Amino acid sequence: MTTLEEYLSAQTPAFRKKVKAEFRQMSLQCAVSRLRYEQNLTQQEVARKLQLSQSAVSKIERNALDVKLSDLVRYVTVSYTHLTLPTI
């Protein structure tokens, strides 16, 4: 059985770069969603605190790398916690 590292080392640099970018996106998505989950908040409750629509909160959680930094900071702030991301 091949490990992920072995598989990636056999791929092109462009492929490895894409996988790394996707991993960063997924890590941020999980971290952002986890903040809300840990505070037992619904997307609607976060939206009300941020004065955004529920769909905007959903977008932040799904596409955290594509939202405005100010919206992401506000999202983290309403959870009264901090966001720690893995380094790659």
C-alpha atoms as a PDB file:
ATOM      1  CA  MET A   1       0.000   0.000   0.000  1.00  0.00           C
ATOM      2  CA  THR A   2       1.268   3.443  -0.965  1.00  0.00           C
ATOM      3  CA  THR A   3       1.217   6.266   1.567  1.00  0.00           C
ATOM      4  CA  LEU A   4      -0.091   9.687   0.621  1.00  0.00           C
ATOM      5  CA  GLU A   5       3.414  11.126   0.836  1.00  0.00           C
ATOM      6  CA  GLU A   6       4.750   8.454  -1.524  1.00  0.00           C
ATOM      7  CA  TYR A   7       1.903   9.046  -3.947  1.00  0.00           C
ATOM      8  CA  LEU A   8       2.407  12.806  -3.923  1.00  0.00           C
ATOM      9  CA  SER A   9       6.156  12.541  -4.340  1.00  0.00           C
ATOM     10  CA  ALA A  10       5.552  10.662  -7.597  1.00  0.00           C
ATOM     11  CA  GLN A  11       3.316  13.451  -8.957  1.00  0.00           C
ATOM     12  CA  THR A  12       4.219  16.649 -10.772  1.00  0.00           C
ATOM     13  CA  PRO A  13       5.057  19.811  -8.829  1.00  0.00           C
ATOM     14  CA  ALA A  14       1.907  21.454 -10.218  1.00  0.00           C
ATOM     15  CA  PHE A  15      -0.238  18.593  -8.909  1.00  0.00           C
ATOM     16  CA  ARG A  16       1.414  18.746  -5.488  1.00  0.00           C
ATOM     17  CA  LYS A  17       0.843  22.504  -5.371  1.00  0.00           C
ATOM     18  CA  LYS A  18      -2.852  22.011  -6.176  1.00  0.00           C
ATOM     19  CA  VAL A  19      -3.217  19.334  -3.475  1.00  0.00           C
ATOM     20  CA  LYS A  20      -1.539  21.640  -0.955  1.00  0.00           C
ATOM     21  CA  ALA A  21      -3.920  24.487  -1.844  1.00  0.00           C
ATOM     22  CA  GLU A  22      -6.937  22.198  -1.536  1.00  0.00           C
ATOM     23  CA  PHE A  23      -5.688  20.967   1.835  1.00  0.00           C
ATOM     24  CA  ARG A  24      -5.361  24.551   3.079  1.00  0.00           C
ATOM     25  CA  GLN A  25      -8.902  25.299   1.916  1.00  0.00           C
ATOM     26  CA  MET A  26     -10.314  22.187   3.599  1.00  0.00           C
ATOM     27  CA  SER A  27      -8.387  22.889   6.816  1.00  0.00           C
ATOM     28  CA  LEU A  28      -9.747  26.409   7.001  1.00  0.00           C
ATOM     29  CA  GLN A  29     -13.281  25.246   6.219  1.00  0.00           C
ATOM     30  CA  CYS A  30     -13.127  22.688   9.018  1.00  0.00           C
ATOM     31  CA  ALA A  31     -11.612  25.150  11.478  1.00  0.00           C
ATOM     32  CA  VAL A  32     -14.215  27.827  10.761  1.00  0.00           C
ATOM     33  CA  SER A  33     -17.146  25.411  10.986  1.00  0.00           C
ATOM     34  CA  ARG A  34     -15.711  23.929  14.182  1.00  0.00           C
ATOM     35  CA  LEU A  35     -15.761  27.361  15.832  1.00  0.00           C
ATOM     36  CA  ARG A  36     -19.517  27.583  15.372  1.00  0.00           C
ATOM     37  CA  TYR A  37     -20.059  23.974  16.388  1.00  0.00           C
ATOM     38  CA  GLU A  38     -18.009  24.336  19.578  1.00  0.00           C
ATOM     39  CA  GLN A  39     -20.109  27.335  20.608  1.00  0.00           C
ATOM     40  CA  ASN A  40     -23.343  25.434  19.868  1.00  0.00           C
ATOM     41  CA  LEU A  41     -24.413  28.121  17.414  1.00  0.00           C
ATOM     42  CA  THR A  42     -26.465  27.689  14.275  1.00  0.00           C
ATOM     43  CA  GLN A  43     -25.559  29.464  11.056  1.00  0.00           C
ATOM     44  CA  GLN A  44     -28.661  31.602  11.601  1.00  0.00           C
ATOM     45  CA  GLU A  45     -27.453  32.681  15.061  1.00  0.00           C
ATOM     46  CA  VAL A  46     -24.010  33.570  13.711  1.00  0.00           C
ATOM     47  CA  ALA A  47     -25.644  35.442  10.839  1.00  0.00           C
ATOM     48  CA  ARG A  48     -27.762  37.482  13.257  1.00  0.00           C
ATOM     49  CA  LYS A  49     -24.665  38.403  15.313  1.00  0.00           C
ATOM     50  CA  LEU A  50     -22.771  39.372  12.151  1.00  0.00           C
ATOM     51  CA  GLN A  51     -25.753  41.120  10.600  1.00  0.00           C
ATOM     52  CA  LEU A  52     -25.392  38.894   7.550  1.00  0.00           C
ATOM     53  CA  SER A  53     -27.702  36.416   5.877  1.00  0.00           C
ATOM     54  CA  GLN A  54     -27.498  32.721   6.741  1.00  0.00           C
ATOM     55  CA  SER A  55     -26.358  32.094   3.170  1.00  0.00           C
ATOM     56  CA  ALA A  56     -23.445  34.508   3.679  1.00  0.00           C
ATOM     57  CA  VAL A  57     -22.383  32.563   6.778  1.00  0.00           C
ATOM     58  CA  SER A  58     -22.643  29.348   4.791  1.00  0.00           C
ATOM     59  CA  LYS A  59     -20.404  30.877   2.113  1.00  0.00           C
ATOM     60  CA  ILE A  60     -17.829  31.830   4.741  1.00  0.00           C
ATOM     61  CA  GLU A  61     -17.789  28.235   5.987  1.00  0.00           C
ATOM     62  CA  ARG A  62     -17.636  26.723   2.498  1.00  0.00           C
ATOM     63  CA  ASN A  63     -15.243  29.163   0.834  1.00  0.00           C
ATOM     64  CA  ALA A  64     -13.232  30.575   3.693  1.00  0.00           C
ATOM     65  CA  LEU A  65     -10.269  31.432   1.471  1.00  0.00           C
ATOM     66  CA  ASP A  66     -12.479  33.395  -0.940  1.00  0.00           C
ATOM     67  CA  VAL A  67     -14.239  35.660   1.554  1.00  0.00           C
ATOM     68  CA  LYS A  68     -13.131  39.076   2.688  1.00  0.00           C
ATOM     69  CA  LEU A  69     -10.683  38.903   5.550  1.00  0.00           C
ATOM     70  CA  SER A  70     -12.825  41.350   7.505  1.00  0.00           C
ATOM     71  CA  ASP A  71     -15.808  38.955   7.291  1.00  0.00           C
ATOM     72  CA  LEU A  72     -13.659  36.045   8.414  1.00  0.00           C
ATOM     73  CA  VAL A  73     -12.309  38.045  11.367  1.00  0.00           C
ATOM     74  CA  ARG A  74     -15.848  39.061  12.358  1.00  0.00           C
ATOM     75  CA  TYR A  75     -16.933  35.410  12.106  1.00  0.00           C
ATOM     76  CA  VAL A  76     -14.157  34.308  14.442  1.00  0.00           C
ATOM     77  CA  THR A  77     -14.883  37.212  16.796  1.00  0.00           C
ATOM     78  CA  VAL A  78     -18.543  36.293  17.327  1.00  0.00           C
ATOM     79  CA  SER A  79     -17.514  32.838  18.516  1.00  0.00           C
ATOM     80  CA  TYR A  80     -15.526  34.474  21.376  1.00  0.00           C
ATOM     81  CA  THR A  81     -12.586  32.208  20.694  1.00  0.00           C
ATOM     82  CA  HIS A  82      -9.524  32.032  18.497  1.00  0.00           C
ATOM     83  CA  LEU A  83      -8.747  30.250  15.264  1.00  0.00           C
ATOM     84  CA  THR A  84      -5.648  28.075  14.981  1.00  0.00           C
ATOM     85  CA  LEU A  85      -4.724  26.767  11.573  1.00  0.00           C
ATOM     86  CA  PRO A  86      -2.246  24.055  10.692  1.00  0.00           C
ATOM     87  CA  THR A  87       0.841  25.164   8.834  1.00  0.00           C
ATOM     88  CA  ILE A  88       1.799  23.443   5.631  1.00  0.00           C
END
